[in-house]
Protein backbone atom coordinates (compact mmCIF):
# COMPACT_ATOMS: atom_id res chain seq x y z
CA MET A 1 0.14 0.22 0.17
CA THR A 2 1.43 3.11 -0.74
CA THR A 3 1.55 6.31 1.48
CA GLU A 4 1.08 10.32 0.33
CA GLU A 5 2.48 12.92 2.94
CA VAL A 6 0.73 16.61 2.29
CA PRO A 7 0.33 19.13 5.32
CA VAL A 8 -3.25 18.53 6.12
CA VAL A 9 -5.51 16.67 4.87
CA ILE A 10 -8.99 17.25 4.63
CA VAL A 11 -12.16 14.89 5.00
CA GLY A 12 -15.15 16.17 3.29
CA GLY A 13 -15.56 18.12 0.25
CA GLY A 14 -18.81 20.41 1.01
CA PRO A 15 -18.66 24.25 1.94
CA VAL A 16 -17.07 23.78 4.90
CA GLY A 17 -14.25 21.41 3.65
CA LEU A 18 -13.91 23.53 0.83
CA ALA A 19 -13.73 26.75 2.33
CA ALA A 20 -11.05 25.46 5.06
CA ALA A 21 -8.80 24.46 1.39
CA VAL A 22 -9.06 27.88 0.04
CA GLU A 23 -8.06 29.52 3.93
CA LEU A 24 -5.32 27.21 4.29
CA ALA A 25 -4.21 27.77 0.78
CA ARG A 26 -4.35 31.53 1.31
CA HIS A 27 -1.37 31.17 4.30
CA GLY A 28 0.84 29.00 2.31
CA VAL A 29 -0.35 25.71 3.34
CA ARG A 30 -0.91 22.72 0.73
CA THR A 31 -3.59 20.33 1.58
CA LEU A 32 -5.20 17.11 0.27
CA LEU A 33 -8.86 16.84 0.31
CA LEU A 34 -10.77 13.48 0.27
CA GLU A 35 -14.94 13.86 -0.97
CA ARG A 36 -16.81 10.52 -0.94
CA HIS A 37 -19.13 11.42 -3.50
CA GLU A 38 -17.85 11.54 -7.12
CA SER A 39 -19.00 15.13 -7.17
CA THR A 40 -20.36 18.53 -5.32
CA THR A 41 -23.86 18.24 -3.73
CA TRP A 42 -27.01 17.90 -6.19
CA HIS A 43 -29.01 18.87 -4.20
CA PRO A 44 -29.39 22.64 -2.14
CA LYS A 45 -29.52 21.90 1.30
CA ALA A 46 -28.02 25.70 2.67
CA ARG A 47 -29.27 28.70 1.01
CA ASN A 48 -27.51 31.65 3.07
CA LEU A 49 -24.01 32.86 3.24
CA ASN A 50 -24.26 35.80 5.91
CA THR A 51 -22.94 39.03 5.51
CA ARG A 52 -19.74 37.78 8.15
CA THR A 53 -19.22 35.08 5.57
CA LEU A 54 -18.91 37.29 2.74
CA GLU A 55 -16.54 39.66 4.57
CA ILE A 56 -14.57 36.42 4.46
CA ALA A 57 -14.85 35.76 1.01
CA ARG A 58 -13.18 39.38 0.31
CA GLY A 59 -10.19 37.60 0.81
CA TRP A 60 -9.41 35.14 -1.14
CA GLY A 61 -10.16 37.16 -3.99
CA ASP A 62 -12.27 39.15 -6.54
CA ASP A 63 -12.66 36.35 -8.66
CA VAL A 64 -14.21 34.54 -5.92
CA VAL A 65 -16.20 37.24 -4.16
CA GLY A 66 -17.23 38.29 -7.85
CA ALA A 67 -18.86 34.74 -8.44
CA LEU A 68 -21.01 34.47 -5.53
CA ARG A 69 -22.08 38.12 -5.48
CA ALA A 70 -23.22 36.60 -9.48
CA VAL A 71 -25.73 34.09 -7.69
CA ASN A 72 -27.64 36.05 -5.38
CA LEU A 73 -31.49 36.58 -5.49
CA PRO A 74 -33.00 40.01 -6.64
CA PRO A 75 -32.66 42.41 -3.81
CA ALA A 76 -36.61 42.53 -3.10
CA TRP A 77 -36.41 38.99 -2.63
CA THR A 78 -34.79 39.19 0.40
CA SER A 79 -36.06 41.92 2.51
CA HIS A 80 -39.67 39.78 4.34
CA ILE A 81 -40.19 36.09 5.22
CA VAL A 82 -44.48 35.60 4.95
CA TYR A 83 -46.50 33.54 7.00
CA ALA A 84 -49.66 32.14 5.69
CA ARG A 85 -52.03 29.80 5.68
CA THR A 86 -51.14 29.14 1.67
CA LEU A 87 -49.82 30.15 -0.67
CA ALA A 88 -53.38 31.40 -2.39
CA GLY A 89 -55.01 32.04 1.13
CA ASP A 90 -54.78 34.41 3.99
CA GLU A 91 -51.44 36.22 4.69
CA VAL A 92 -51.49 35.78 8.71
CA GLY A 93 -47.69 38.41 8.93
CA ARG A 94 -44.79 39.09 7.94
CA MET A 95 -41.49 40.49 9.16
CA ARG A 96 -38.84 42.56 7.92
CA THR A 97 -35.13 40.72 7.55
CA PRO A 98 -32.24 42.65 7.61
CA GLY A 99 -30.25 39.87 8.24
CA PHE A 100 -31.05 38.59 4.67
CA SER A 101 -30.43 41.45 2.74
CA GLY A 102 -27.29 42.76 4.88
CA PRO A 103 -26.73 45.70 7.86
CA GLY A 104 -25.92 48.49 5.24
CA PRO A 105 -22.83 50.24 4.06
CA ASP A 106 -22.13 51.88 7.28
CA VAL A 107 -21.03 48.53 9.54
CA SER A 108 -20.14 46.31 6.69
CA PRO A 109 -18.85 46.67 2.64
CA GLU A 110 -20.95 43.35 2.12
CA ILE A 111 -24.17 42.51 1.96
CA PRO A 112 -25.49 38.12 2.59
CA VAL A 113 -25.78 36.09 -0.62
CA LEU A 114 -29.38 33.98 -1.01
CA SER A 115 -28.49 31.43 -3.83
CA SER A 116 -27.97 27.43 -2.75
CA GLN A 117 -25.85 24.99 -1.38
CA ASP A 118 -25.47 23.54 -4.91
CA VAL A 119 -24.74 26.50 -7.19
CA PHE A 120 -22.43 27.82 -3.55
CA GLU A 121 -19.83 24.53 -3.95
CA PRO A 122 -18.86 24.62 -7.32
CA ILE A 123 -17.68 28.17 -6.89
CA LEU A 124 -15.58 27.44 -3.78
CA ARG A 125 -14.36 24.40 -5.69
CA ARG A 126 -12.83 25.85 -8.86
CA ALA A 127 -11.55 28.76 -5.85
CA ALA A 128 -9.66 26.05 -4.22
CA LEU A 129 -8.18 24.21 -7.10
CA ALA A 130 -7.30 27.87 -8.37
CA THR A 131 -4.85 28.81 -5.63
CA GLY A 132 -2.85 26.23 -6.97
CA ARG A 133 -2.31 24.33 -3.27
CA CYS A 134 -4.84 22.21 -3.04
CA ASP A 135 -5.25 18.23 -4.11
CA LEU A 136 -9.02 17.88 -4.84
CA ARG A 137 -9.86 14.52 -4.82
CA PHE A 138 -13.66 13.21 -4.80
CA GLY A 139 -14.76 9.49 -4.94
CA HIS A 140 -12.22 8.90 -2.33
CA GLU A 141 -13.22 7.71 1.01
CA VAL A 142 -11.03 7.68 4.16
CA VAL A 143 -12.10 3.41 5.61
CA ASP A 144 -9.72 3.51 8.51
CA VAL A 145 -7.67 5.65 11.36
CA VAL A 146 -4.62 4.15 11.67
CA GLU A 147 -3.09 7.05 13.46
CA GLY A 148 -3.48 10.59 14.92
CA GLY A 149 -6.40 10.50 17.54
CA GLY A 150 -4.27 9.80 20.48
CA ASP A 151 -3.23 12.88 23.58
CA ASP A 152 0.38 11.93 22.39
CA ALA A 153 -0.05 11.48 18.81
CA HIS A 154 2.96 13.23 16.44
CA ARG A 155 0.97 12.33 13.14
CA VAL A 156 -2.06 11.38 10.79
CA VAL A 157 -1.77 8.14 9.43
CA LEU A 158 -5.27 7.39 7.02
CA GLU A 159 -6.55 4.51 5.12
CA VAL A 160 -8.44 5.80 2.01
CA ALA A 161 -10.41 4.10 -0.66
CA GLU A 162 -10.71 5.32 -4.42
CA ARG A 163 -14.06 4.10 -4.82
CA ALA A 164 -14.56 3.70 -7.93
CA THR A 165 -11.59 1.38 -8.68
CA GLY A 166 -11.04 0.08 -4.94
CA ARG A 167 -7.87 1.05 -4.96
CA THR A 168 -6.42 1.75 -1.67
CA TYR A 169 -3.69 3.95 -0.11
CA ARG A 170 -2.17 5.51 2.92
CA VAL A 171 -2.09 9.27 3.70
CA GLU A 172 0.24 10.74 6.02
CA ALA A 173 0.02 14.56 7.49
CA ASP A 174 0.70 16.49 10.33
CA TRP A 175 -2.94 17.67 10.65
CA ALA A 176 -6.41 16.42 9.76
CA ILE A 177 -9.26 18.49 9.30
CA ALA A 178 -12.53 16.51 9.96
CA ALA A 179 -15.43 18.47 7.60
CA ASP A 180 -16.84 15.19 7.31
CA GLY A 181 -20.94 16.42 8.17
CA SER A 182 -23.41 15.30 10.86
CA GLN A 183 -23.13 12.11 10.80
CA SER A 184 -18.57 12.14 10.95
CA PRO A 185 -17.07 8.41 11.00
CA LEU A 186 -14.41 10.56 12.16
CA ARG A 187 -16.09 12.20 14.67
CA ASP A 188 -17.66 8.53 15.95
CA ALA A 189 -14.81 6.72 15.39
CA LEU A 190 -12.46 9.33 17.90
CA GLY A 191 -15.02 8.86 20.61
CA ILE A 192 -16.45 12.50 20.54
CA GLU A 193 -19.50 12.99 21.82
CA LEU A 194 -22.04 15.65 21.00
CA GLU A 195 -24.31 17.70 23.52
CA GLY A 196 -27.48 19.16 23.15
CA PRO A 197 -31.08 18.05 21.57
CA ARG A 198 -31.59 15.87 19.22
CA GLY A 199 -34.51 14.96 16.95
CA LEU A 200 -36.95 17.81 17.82
CA GLY A 201 -38.17 17.75 13.80
CA HIS A 202 -37.99 15.52 10.82
CA PHE A 203 -38.06 16.66 7.50
CA VAL A 204 -38.27 15.98 3.18
CA ASN A 205 -36.81 18.46 1.13
CA VAL A 206 -38.30 18.84 -2.29
CA TYR A 207 -36.69 20.56 -4.68
CA TYR A 208 -38.45 21.48 -7.91
CA ARG A 209 -39.00 23.88 -10.73
CA ALA A 210 -42.18 25.41 -10.68
CA ASN A 211 -43.95 28.76 -12.27
CA LEU A 212 -45.26 30.55 -8.51
CA ASP A 213 -45.69 33.71 -9.41
CA ARG A 214 -49.67 34.03 -9.45
CA TRP A 215 -49.13 33.79 -5.60
CA VAL A 216 -46.11 35.13 -4.81
CA ALA A 217 -44.86 37.84 -7.53
CA HIS A 218 -46.65 40.72 -5.89
CA ARG A 219 -45.14 39.85 -2.17
CA PRO A 220 -41.50 38.38 -2.69
CA ALA A 221 -40.04 37.31 -0.01
CA ILE A 222 -36.83 34.72 1.97
CA LEU A 223 -39.49 32.27 2.52
CA TYR A 224 -43.07 31.94 2.73
CA TRP A 225 -44.28 29.40 5.80
CA VAL A 226 -46.99 27.34 6.00
CA ALA A 227 -50.17 25.99 8.10
CA THR A 228 -53.38 24.48 8.01
CA ASP A 229 -55.00 21.62 9.78
CA ASP A 230 -53.21 19.07 7.67
CA LEU A 231 -49.50 20.16 6.53
CA ARG A 232 -46.62 22.28 7.52
CA GLY A 233 -44.03 23.45 5.59
CA VAL A 234 -42.29 26.48 4.28
CA PHE A 235 -41.65 27.37 0.70
CA GLN A 236 -37.95 28.93 0.02
CA PRO A 237 -37.05 31.03 -3.58
CA LEU A 238 -33.75 29.88 -5.00
CA ASP A 239 -33.16 32.28 -7.81
CA GLY A 240 -36.08 34.40 -7.93
CA ALA A 241 -37.83 32.67 -10.75
CA ASP A 242 -38.49 29.08 -11.14
CA ARG A 243 -36.58 26.73 -8.80
CA TRP A 244 -37.53 26.35 -5.52
CA LEU A 245 -37.33 23.98 -2.31
CA SER A 246 -39.61 23.01 -0.04
CA GLN A 247 -39.49 21.73 3.28
CA ILE A 248 -42.15 19.35 4.17
CA ALA A 249 -42.71 17.99 8.41
CA TYR A 250 -43.25 14.12 8.79
CA ASP A 251 -42.88 12.20 11.49
CA GLY A 252 -39.41 10.30 10.55
CA SER A 253 -39.93 6.85 9.95
CA ALA A 254 -38.54 4.84 6.90
CA SER A 255 -42.24 3.62 6.43
CA ALA A 256 -43.62 7.78 6.36
CA LEU A 257 -41.03 8.76 4.29
CA ALA A 258 -40.86 5.68 1.24
CA GLU A 259 -44.59 7.67 0.84
CA TYR A 260 -42.46 10.88 -0.44
CA THR A 261 -42.48 9.70 -4.32
CA SER A 262 -41.80 12.69 -6.78
CA GLU A 263 -46.02 12.18 -7.02
CA ARG A 264 -47.16 13.09 -3.09
CA CYS A 265 -44.69 15.94 -2.78
CA LEU A 266 -46.29 17.13 -5.19
CA ALA A 267 -49.94 16.06 -4.21
CA TRP A 268 -48.79 17.96 -0.91
CA LEU A 269 -46.79 21.29 -3.13
CA ARG A 270 -50.62 21.58 -4.49
CA ALA A 271 -52.30 21.75 -1.45
CA ALA A 272 -49.57 23.72 0.03
CA VAL A 273 -50.34 26.28 -2.27
CA GLY A 274 -54.10 26.45 -2.53
CA SER A 275 -54.09 24.85 -6.18
CA ASP A 276 -55.33 21.85 -7.78
CA ASP A 277 -53.59 22.72 -10.80
CA LEU A 278 -50.25 23.59 -10.03
CA GLU A 279 -47.40 22.21 -11.89
CA ALA A 280 -43.94 20.99 -10.76
CA GLU A 281 -41.30 19.49 -11.73
CA ILE A 282 -39.89 17.48 -8.63
CA LEU A 283 -35.76 17.13 -9.25
CA SER A 284 -34.92 15.50 -6.16
CA VAL A 285 -35.99 14.52 -2.24
CA GLY A 286 -34.10 14.54 0.65
CA THR A 287 -34.86 14.27 3.91
CA TRP A 288 -33.03 16.13 7.13
CA THR A 289 -33.11 15.49 11.39
CA MET A 290 -33.43 18.69 13.71
CA ASN A 291 -30.83 18.74 15.97
CA ALA A 292 -29.21 21.89 18.35
CA THR A 293 -25.62 19.74 19.05
CA VAL A 294 -21.88 20.71 19.49
CA ALA A 295 -19.52 18.28 20.12
CA ASP A 296 -17.66 18.13 23.35
CA ARG A 297 -14.47 19.24 22.17
CA LEU A 298 -13.32 20.06 18.60
CA ARG A 299 -9.94 19.19 18.78
CA GLN A 300 -8.72 15.28 19.86
CA GLY A 301 -4.87 14.68 19.19
CA ARG A 302 -3.97 15.87 15.20
CA PHE A 303 -8.18 16.18 14.24
CA VAL A 304 -9.45 19.16 14.48
CA LEU A 305 -13.56 19.40 14.09
CA VAL A 306 -15.45 22.10 11.50
CA GLY A 307 -19.20 22.42 10.28
CA ASP A 308 -21.28 20.22 10.49
CA ALA A 309 -19.14 17.26 12.27
CA ALA A 310 -18.40 20.09 15.30
CA HIS A 311 -22.12 21.57 15.55
CA GLN A 312 -25.52 20.91 14.10
CA LEU A 313 -27.81 23.90 13.82
CA PRO A 314 -31.53 24.23 13.56
CA PRO A 315 -31.94 25.87 10.25
CA SER A 316 -33.89 29.05 11.02
CA GLY A 317 -31.89 31.75 10.65
CA GLY A 318 -28.92 30.02 7.97
CA PHE A 319 -25.91 30.20 10.64
CA GLY A 320 -25.28 26.38 10.27
CA VAL A 321 -22.79 26.50 7.27
CA ASN A 322 -21.43 30.26 8.39
CA SER A 323 -20.91 28.95 11.63
CA GLY A 324 -18.69 25.96 9.99
CA ILE A 325 -16.47 28.51 6.98
CA GLN A 326 -16.40 31.21 10.16
CA GLY A 327 -14.72 28.64 12.47
CA VAL A 328 -12.46 27.52 9.42
CA HIS A 329 -11.68 31.39 9.50
CA ASN A 330 -10.42 30.82 13.00
CA LEU A 331 -8.86 28.07 12.39
CA ALA A 332 -6.57 28.25 9.29
CA TRP A 333 -3.67 30.81 9.99
CA LYS A 334 -3.58 29.38 14.10
CA LEU A 335 -3.31 25.82 12.18
CA ALA A 336 -0.53 27.53 9.57
CA ALA A 337 1.43 29.50 12.32
CA VAL A 338 1.75 25.88 13.94
CA LEU A 339 3.33 24.20 11.14
CA ASP A 340 5.71 27.32 10.03
CA GLY A 341 6.50 27.27 13.76
CA SER A 342 5.51 30.82 14.70
CA ALA A 343 3.20 29.21 17.23
CA SER A 344 3.26 26.94 19.98
CA VAL A 345 0.78 24.29 19.50
CA SER A 346 -1.01 25.21 22.34
CA LEU A 347 -2.38 27.61 19.96
CA LEU A 348 -5.38 25.17 18.47
CA ASP A 349 -7.05 24.96 21.83
CA THR A 350 -8.01 28.69 21.87
CA TYR A 351 -9.91 27.46 18.05
CA ASP A 352 -11.39 24.84 20.78
CA GLU A 353 -12.35 27.57 23.30
CA GLU A 354 -13.31 30.51 20.98
CA ARG A 355 -15.80 28.27 18.08
CA ARG A 356 -17.14 25.70 20.26
CA ALA A 357 -18.61 28.55 22.95
CA VAL A 358 -20.02 30.23 19.52
CA GLY A 359 -21.42 26.93 18.01
CA ARG A 360 -23.24 26.56 21.14
CA TYR A 361 -25.02 30.12 21.58
CA ASN A 362 -25.80 29.87 17.37
CA ALA A 363 -27.37 25.88 17.93
CA ASP A 364 -29.62 27.98 20.25
CA ARG A 365 -31.04 30.62 19.51
CA SER A 366 -31.36 29.12 15.85
CA LEU A 367 -33.63 26.57 17.98
CA ASP A 368 -35.67 29.68 19.31
CA ASN A 369 -36.21 30.56 15.62
CA SER A 370 -37.90 27.55 14.89
CA ARG A 371 -39.69 27.20 17.79
CA MET A 372 -41.12 30.68 16.96
CA VAL A 373 -42.14 29.24 13.69
CA GLY A 374 -44.36 26.89 15.53
CA ARG A 375 -45.95 29.43 17.73
CA ILE A 376 -47.04 31.79 14.81
CA GLN A 377 -48.02 28.25 13.05
CA ALA A 378 -50.12 27.30 15.74
CA ALA A 379 -51.46 30.94 16.24
CA ALA A 380 -52.30 30.77 12.60
CA LEU A 381 -54.81 27.73 13.53
CA GLY A 382 -56.11 29.12 16.43
CA ARG A 383 -54.04 27.30 18.95
CA GLY A 384 -51.29 28.40 21.53
CA GLY A 385 -53.25 31.04 23.42
CA LEU A 386 -51.44 33.95 20.98
CA ASP A 387 -53.16 36.22 18.32
CA PRO A 388 -50.97 35.41 15.18
CA ALA A 389 -50.44 39.63 14.88
CA GLU A 390 -48.31 38.59 18.47
CA ALA A 391 -46.81 35.95 17.47
CA VAL A 392 -45.53 37.25 14.20
CA ALA A 393 -44.42 39.95 15.78
CA ALA A 394 -42.64 38.31 18.93
CA SER A 395 -40.51 36.53 15.96
CA ARG A 396 -38.79 39.60 15.19
CA ARG A 397 -35.13 38.33 16.05
CA TYR A 398 -35.72 35.72 13.00
CA GLY A 399 -34.09 37.39 9.62
CA ASN A 400 -33.14 40.47 12.93
CA PHE A 401 -29.48 38.69 13.88
CA THR A 402 -27.01 41.77 13.51
CA GLY A 403 -25.52 41.46 16.58
CA MET A 404 -25.63 37.62 16.74
CA GLU A 405 -23.80 37.70 13.46
CA LEU A 406 -21.03 40.19 14.06
CA GLY A 407 -20.74 41.08 17.92
CA TYR A 408 -19.84 38.39 19.49
CA ARG A 409 -16.62 38.36 21.46
CA TYR A 410 -14.17 35.72 21.24
CA ARG A 411 -12.29 34.82 25.28
CA SER A 412 -9.30 33.03 25.17
CA ALA A 413 -5.23 32.56 25.30
CA ALA A 414 -5.01 33.91 22.10
CA VAL A 415 -7.03 37.50 23.31
CA VAL A 416 -5.03 39.62 25.55
CA ASP A 417 -8.34 41.13 27.52
CA ASP A 418 -8.03 45.22 27.64
CA GLY A 419 -10.00 45.56 30.53
CA SER A 420 -12.90 47.00 29.09
CA THR A 421 -16.36 46.51 30.08
CA ASP A 422 -18.78 44.82 27.12
CA VAL A 423 -20.78 47.31 24.99
CA VAL A 424 -24.62 46.63 26.08
CA VAL A 425 -27.42 46.71 23.64
CA ASP A 426 -31.26 46.30 24.03
CA ASP A 427 -31.06 43.18 22.32
CA GLU A 428 -27.50 41.09 22.03
CA VAL A 429 -29.26 38.83 18.74
CA VAL A 430 -30.72 42.18 16.93
CA ASP A 431 -28.96 44.78 17.97
CA PHE A 432 -25.13 45.18 16.94
CA ALA A 433 -22.67 48.12 18.60
CA PRO A 434 -19.58 48.08 16.15
CA ASP A 435 -16.17 48.41 19.11
CA ALA A 436 -12.56 47.10 18.49
CA GLN A 437 -12.79 45.58 22.29
CA PRO A 438 -10.13 42.78 22.13
CA GLY A 439 -11.55 39.67 20.83
CA ARG A 440 -14.45 41.38 18.57
CA ARG A 441 -14.53 41.60 14.49
CA ALA A 442 -12.72 44.48 14.16
CA PRO A 443 -15.24 46.90 12.50
CA HIS A 444 -15.45 48.37 9.47
CA ALA A 445 -13.97 51.56 9.04
CA ALA A 446 -14.43 53.67 5.61
CA ILE A 447 -11.17 54.87 5.05
CA ILE A 448 -9.36 56.60 1.54
CA ARG A 449 -6.05 56.83 0.14
CA ASP A 450 -4.92 58.50 -3.12
CA GLY A 451 -8.56 59.55 -4.12
CA LEU A 452 -9.46 55.52 -3.79
CA GLU A 453 -11.89 54.33 -0.89
CA ARG A 454 -11.60 51.19 0.97
CA SER A 455 -13.11 49.26 4.38
CA THR A 456 -10.37 48.43 7.51
CA LEU A 457 -11.46 45.47 6.53
CA ASP A 458 -9.56 44.99 3.44
CA LEU A 459 -6.36 45.91 5.75
CA LEU A 460 -6.86 42.19 7.39
CA GLY A 461 -5.57 39.48 6.17
CA ARG A 462 -2.91 36.49 5.84
CA ASP A 463 -1.32 38.25 8.38
CA PHE A 464 -0.86 40.64 11.74
CA ALA A 465 -1.81 44.07 11.24
CA VAL A 466 -1.74 47.02 13.68
CA LEU A 467 -4.05 49.51 12.68
CA ALA A 468 -2.92 53.09 14.46
CA GLY A 469 -4.22 56.07 15.27
CA PRO A 470 -3.35 59.53 13.12
CA SER A 471 -0.04 60.02 15.26
CA GLY A 472 0.74 56.90 15.43
CA ALA A 473 3.89 56.49 13.62
CA ALA A 474 5.79 54.76 17.08
CA TRP A 475 3.81 51.60 16.20
CA GLU A 476 4.37 51.43 13.10
CA ARG A 477 8.32 51.32 14.31
CA ALA A 478 7.07 48.70 16.67
CA ALA A 479 5.79 46.59 14.24
CA SER A 480 8.75 46.75 11.99
CA ALA A 481 11.23 45.78 15.05
CA ALA A 482 8.38 42.78 16.07
CA ALA A 483 8.55 41.31 13.07
CA ARG A 484 11.98 41.18 13.51
CA ARG A 485 12.60 40.00 16.95
CA THR A 486 10.18 37.31 16.14
CA GLY A 487 10.11 36.20 12.46
CA VAL A 488 6.12 37.41 12.15
CA VAL A 489 4.72 39.22 9.86
CA VAL A 490 3.30 42.04 11.38
CA ASP A 491 1.34 45.08 8.55
CA ALA A 492 1.08 48.41 9.82
CA HIS A 493 -1.68 51.15 8.77
CA ARG A 494 -1.55 54.75 10.30
CA ILE A 495 -5.81 55.55 10.18
CA GLY A 496 -6.25 59.33 10.16
CA ALA A 497 -3.17 60.83 9.43
CA ASP A 498 -2.40 63.77 6.72
CA ALA A 499 -2.37 61.57 3.16
CA ALA A 500 0.79 63.55 2.40
CA GLU A 501 2.45 62.65 5.50
CA ASN A 502 5.83 60.84 4.78
CA HIS A 503 5.90 57.58 6.21
CA VAL A 504 8.52 56.48 9.19
CA ALA A 505 12.14 55.69 7.88
CA GLY A 506 12.53 51.78 7.64
CA THR A 507 9.24 50.71 8.08
CA VAL A 508 6.49 49.27 5.21
CA ALA A 509 3.26 51.06 6.73
CA THR A 510 0.56 52.65 5.12
CA THR A 511 -1.31 55.76 5.76
CA TRP A 512 -4.98 56.28 5.65
CA SER A 513 -7.63 58.62 5.91
CA ASP A 514 -10.36 58.68 8.01
CA ARG A 515 -14.01 59.16 6.13
CA ASP A 516 -16.06 60.97 8.75
CA GLY A 517 -13.61 59.89 11.56
CA ALA A 518 -15.48 56.37 11.47
CA PHE A 519 -12.22 54.68 12.65
CA ALA A 520 -11.96 56.90 15.08
CA ALA A 521 -15.53 56.54 16.51
CA THR A 522 -15.33 52.73 16.53
CA TYR A 523 -12.03 51.82 17.39
CA ARG A 524 -11.75 54.30 20.47
CA ILE A 525 -8.48 54.28 20.31
CA GLY A 526 -6.93 58.17 20.44
CA ALA A 527 -4.27 59.47 18.21
CA THR A 528 -1.34 57.70 19.71
CA GLY A 529 -3.49 53.78 20.31
CA ALA A 530 -3.59 51.11 18.16
CA VAL A 531 -5.49 47.83 18.32
CA LEU A 532 -3.36 44.44 17.02
CA VAL A 533 -5.76 42.74 14.62
CA ARG A 534 -4.95 38.94 14.25
CA PRO A 535 -5.18 37.51 10.88
CA ASP A 536 -9.26 36.34 11.17
CA GLY A 537 -9.82 39.88 11.78
CA HIS A 538 -10.56 39.84 15.67
CA VAL A 539 -8.87 41.93 18.12
CA ALA A 540 -5.89 40.92 19.61
CA ALA A 541 -4.93 43.65 21.78
CA ARG A 542 -5.61 47.62 21.82
CA TRP A 543 -4.09 49.69 23.58
CA GLN A 544 -4.74 53.91 23.93
CA ASP A 545 -1.50 54.95 23.62
CA ASP A 546 1.91 54.25 22.66
CA THR A 547 3.92 54.14 25.70
CA ASP A 548 6.62 51.14 25.60
CA ALA A 549 4.95 50.42 21.79
CA ALA A 550 6.99 48.32 21.11
CA ASP A 551 7.65 46.11 23.86
CA ARG A 552 3.57 46.23 23.72
CA LEU A 553 3.13 44.65 21.09
CA GLU A 554 5.40 41.77 21.59
CA ARG A 555 4.66 40.71 24.45
CA ALA A 556 1.06 40.74 23.15
CA LEU A 557 1.88 38.76 20.08
CA CYS A 558 4.12 36.20 21.76
CA ALA A 559 1.26 35.65 24.60
CA VAL A 560 -1.15 35.11 21.61
CA LEU A 561 1.27 32.59 19.88
CA GLY A 562 1.67 31.28 23.24
CA ARG A 563 5.37 31.40 22.57
CA ALA A 564 7.53 33.22 25.16
CA SER A 565 8.80 36.94 24.42
CA THR A 566 11.83 37.12 22.68
């Protein structure tokens, strides 16, 4: 049996596994991706890449983010959720959904993309191939974990089968990423348990083509929930034209699922629309079970769990695939730093600490959304003691989740706490107050240089970055010194400085004008302060002045990377 060697092996070629390959390539890491299926998915599955995910995609290049934007639903289809008895029947209510249409240019230069997973995945696959650092092997399945799951493991060894030929071979890697889905054979092999409620509902997914304009063209929406005495489900537009996905609740039994033939699905659609003459072409039928679970640990030996292998979220709100992609964004730079020796292996423990907490929070809030839908449907049928309008009004978190999406804060050894108190908002799910507090996403602020307007987000990426106030020349020198002493690349940018001002001699810093004072207002560091931002765009440290700038910056870098100061 032949053995192939690679720094990182990724098991699973869905959107999260492919995103991991793209992110690691951006950090210079070669990967081998193994996917048991012969191609990317043919079923729509996930629909929403949210604002934060599109911010991450900016780092993958204009071609990638442009291709994703090109498949977005027309804007009119992203602004409401509609609740009705049937599509042709009475409307119970509707809720505005800025979470699906975007928080606005003052918060982010990006907006979400609404399409479907069968459209997203080929774009990500092409992006991974274009890096030249990803060996993608579809139709190859891991059949045995030979080595790598123990606490003292020094490598990963997997036995792999090429399904078309039966040929087997071994892969040896420094690290393995388990992106192999909610049923994750790797998670089971490692003995990792899931925590949280399971089997909360069972659903048939029906993918079809139909002209529903008669019932929806006058009220485009991201979701149309329907409920009668005999059925409950949802209509989801995939392209604003004739591609649709519907979810049908059923009892989860094999016998009930077997009854959902194309003919049965068409009959359900006709009943849910309220029209016996509806014609639809059934393209595929799938099934899924609602869980709200998170793995009890995200790292075991030389394996790291991501995506559905790490957490299974109810789909209400679209946080499943987004939590996965944002998780690999957190992981990739840490894994790259461990591989190149600039960080201690302990840095990977912060992936578990930071992302497991976010996964649990997102799972719980997504479950809240699902329960809100159930209450609205019950109210529509005169049950549950709520007026339908009251039930819809109480569901505002579903579709209004900027705080949940952008406002979370990491707490771990990879963040240097500055002692500041958390910003208080009325509703932590709905409301968002941009802040550069350590652990939070570095806020977007519009900046200008040589007449070109950009976002502070565009200054962040592969490397650590120092963003300093207008009189922060000491931080430019500190960044250069820290890079020399630690071997870690640190970009430096002064924001709010006179654009005509010369750079500090011996540095590679850039200066930017602060449009409308947005940077000063959101980062709150004063003229001589600075923030250190990690490669995943989260603030690692913040200082209000430039006292001992070089020493403080170096200590922060070493603390984040889990290594002793030089």
